[in-house]
Amino acid sequence: MRDTTPEDLLFSSWAAQTYEQKKDAVNFLENSFDPYERAIGTLIKKYAGCEQNA
């Protein structure tokens, strides 16, 4: 069984880590024509602290 910490449960922590490791993929999602992919990319950047207008 894996121990989890409160930090593991935060979406903002996951978003920051994902954006740091997979910037190109997140940028691809944000620039996608699919509205769901665009929303996911935008939310990741917003919660990672990378988007000023969100």
N, C-alpha and C. Protein backbone atom coordinates (compact mmCIF):
# COMPACT_ATOMS: atom_id res chain seq x y z
N MET A 1 0.84 -1.18 0.00
CA MET A 1 0.00 0.00 0.00
C MET A 1 0.89 1.25 0.00
N ARG A 2 0.49 2.23 -0.76
CA ARG A 2 1.27 3.46 -0.88
C ARG A 2 0.78 4.51 0.11
N ASP A 3 1.72 5.14 0.78
CA ASP A 3 1.36 6.23 1.68
C ASP A 3 1.14 7.49 0.86
N THR A 4 0.11 8.24 1.21
CA THR A 4 -0.13 9.51 0.52
C THR A 4 -0.02 10.64 1.53
N THR A 5 0.38 11.76 1.04
CA THR A 5 0.47 12.95 1.88
C THR A 5 -0.58 13.94 1.37
N PRO A 6 -0.91 14.94 2.18
CA PRO A 6 -1.86 15.94 1.70
C PRO A 6 -1.40 16.61 0.40
N GLU A 7 -0.10 16.73 0.20
CA GLU A 7 0.45 17.33 -1.02
C GLU A 7 0.10 16.48 -2.24
N ASP A 8 0.03 15.15 -2.09
CA ASP A 8 -0.30 14.27 -3.20
C ASP A 8 -1.74 14.46 -3.67
N LEU A 9 -2.59 14.97 -2.81
CA LEU A 9 -4.00 15.09 -3.13
C LEU A 9 -4.37 16.42 -3.78
N LEU A 10 -3.44 17.33 -3.89
CA LEU A 10 -3.72 18.65 -4.44
C LEU A 10 -3.62 18.65 -5.96
N PHE A 11 -4.68 19.11 -6.61
CA PHE A 11 -4.67 19.21 -8.07
C PHE A 11 -3.60 20.20 -8.53
N SER A 12 -3.42 21.27 -7.77
CA SER A 12 -2.43 22.28 -8.15
C SER A 12 -1.02 21.70 -8.16
N SER A 13 -0.71 20.81 -7.24
CA SER A 13 0.61 20.17 -7.22
C SER A 13 0.78 19.26 -8.44
N TRP A 14 -0.26 18.50 -8.72
CA TRP A 14 -0.21 17.62 -9.88
C TRP A 14 -0.08 18.44 -11.16
N ALA A 15 -0.84 19.53 -11.26
CA ALA A 15 -0.81 20.37 -12.46
C ALA A 15 0.58 20.98 -12.65
N ALA A 16 1.17 21.48 -11.58
CA ALA A 16 2.51 22.08 -11.69
C ALA A 16 3.54 21.04 -12.13
N GLN A 17 3.46 19.84 -11.56
CA GLN A 17 4.39 18.78 -11.93
C GLN A 17 4.17 18.35 -13.38
N THR A 18 2.92 18.21 -13.78
CA THR A 18 2.62 17.81 -15.15
C THR A 18 3.09 18.86 -16.14
N TYR A 19 2.85 20.13 -15.84
CA TYR A 19 3.27 21.19 -16.75
C TYR A 19 4.79 21.25 -16.85
N GLU A 20 5.45 21.06 -15.73
CA GLU A 20 6.92 21.10 -15.73
C GLU A 20 7.51 19.96 -16.57
N GLN A 21 6.93 18.78 -16.45
CA GLN A 21 7.48 17.61 -17.13
C GLN A 21 6.99 17.46 -18.57
N LYS A 22 5.79 17.99 -18.86
CA LYS A 22 5.17 17.75 -20.17
C LYS A 22 4.62 19.04 -20.78
N LYS A 23 5.45 20.08 -20.82
CA LYS A 23 5.03 21.38 -21.34
C LYS A 23 4.47 21.30 -22.75
N ASP A 24 5.14 20.57 -23.61
CA ASP A 24 4.69 20.48 -25.00
C ASP A 24 3.30 19.84 -25.10
N ALA A 25 3.07 18.80 -24.31
CA ALA A 25 1.77 18.13 -24.34
C ALA A 25 0.67 19.05 -23.82
N VAL A 26 0.96 19.79 -22.76
CA VAL A 26 -0.04 20.71 -22.21
C VAL A 26 -0.32 21.84 -23.20
N ASN A 27 0.71 22.35 -23.84
CA ASN A 27 0.51 23.39 -24.85
C ASN A 27 -0.30 22.86 -26.03
N PHE A 28 -0.05 21.60 -26.42
CA PHE A 28 -0.83 20.98 -27.48
C PHE A 28 -2.30 20.91 -27.08
N LEU A 29 -2.57 20.49 -25.85
CA LEU A 29 -3.95 20.41 -25.38
C LEU A 29 -4.61 21.78 -25.40
N GLU A 30 -3.89 22.79 -24.94
CA GLU A 30 -4.46 24.13 -24.86
C GLU A 30 -4.76 24.72 -26.24
N ASN A 31 -4.00 24.32 -27.25
CA ASN A 31 -4.20 24.83 -28.61
C ASN A 31 -5.06 23.92 -29.48
N SER A 32 -5.61 22.88 -28.89
CA SER A 32 -6.42 21.92 -29.63
C SER A 32 -7.74 22.55 -30.07
N PHE A 33 -8.32 22.00 -31.13
CA PHE A 33 -9.64 22.43 -31.59
C PHE A 33 -10.75 21.76 -30.78
N ASP A 34 -10.44 20.67 -30.10
CA ASP A 34 -11.42 19.97 -29.26
C ASP A 34 -11.63 20.78 -27.99
N PRO A 35 -12.85 21.19 -27.69
CA PRO A 35 -13.07 22.04 -26.51
C PRO A 35 -12.71 21.36 -25.19
N TYR A 36 -12.85 20.05 -25.10
CA TYR A 36 -12.50 19.35 -23.87
C TYR A 36 -10.98 19.33 -23.65
N GLU A 37 -10.25 19.06 -24.72
CA GLU A 37 -8.79 19.08 -24.61
C GLU A 37 -8.30 20.48 -24.27
N ARG A 38 -8.89 21.48 -24.90
CA ARG A 38 -8.51 22.86 -24.63
C ARG A 38 -8.78 23.22 -23.16
N ALA A 39 -9.92 22.78 -22.64
CA ALA A 39 -10.26 23.06 -21.24
C ALA A 39 -9.27 22.39 -20.29
N ILE A 40 -8.89 21.16 -20.59
CA ILE A 40 -7.93 20.45 -19.73
C ILE A 40 -6.58 21.17 -19.75
N GLY A 41 -6.10 21.53 -20.94
CA GLY A 41 -4.83 22.25 -21.04
C GLY A 41 -4.87 23.59 -20.31
N THR A 42 -5.98 24.30 -20.44
CA THR A 42 -6.13 25.60 -19.78
C THR A 42 -6.15 25.43 -18.26
N LEU A 43 -6.87 24.43 -17.77
CA LEU A 43 -6.93 24.20 -16.32
C LEU A 43 -5.57 23.80 -15.75
N ILE A 44 -4.85 22.97 -16.47
CA ILE A 44 -3.52 22.57 -16.00
C ILE A 44 -2.63 23.80 -15.87
N LYS A 45 -2.63 24.65 -16.90
CA LYS A 45 -1.80 25.86 -16.84
C LYS A 45 -2.27 26.82 -15.74
N LYS A 46 -3.58 26.93 -15.58
CA LYS A 46 -4.13 27.83 -14.56
C LYS A 46 -3.69 27.38 -13.16
N TYR A 47 -3.88 26.11 -12.86
CA TYR A 47 -3.54 25.62 -11.53
C TYR A 47 -2.04 25.47 -11.31
N ALA A 48 -1.28 25.39 -12.39
CA ALA A 48 0.19 25.34 -12.27
C ALA A 48 0.75 26.75 -12.05
N GLY A 49 -0.11 27.76 -12.24
CA GLY A 49 0.33 29.15 -12.03
C GLY A 49 1.01 29.74 -13.24
N CYS A 50 0.73 29.21 -14.42
CA CYS A 50 1.42 29.65 -15.64
C CYS A 50 0.57 30.56 -16.50
N GLU A 51 -0.68 30.74 -16.17
CA GLU A 51 -1.56 31.52 -17.03
C GLU A 51 -2.06 32.74 -16.28
N GLN A 52 -1.82 33.91 -16.84
CA GLN A 52 -2.19 35.15 -16.18
C GLN A 52 -3.66 35.49 -16.35
N ASN A 53 -4.29 35.13 -17.46
CA ASN A 53 -5.65 35.56 -17.76
C ASN A 53 -6.73 34.62 -17.27
N ALA A 54 -6.39 33.53 -16.63
CA ALA A 54 -7.41 32.56 -16.24
C ALA A 54 -8.05 32.88 -14.92
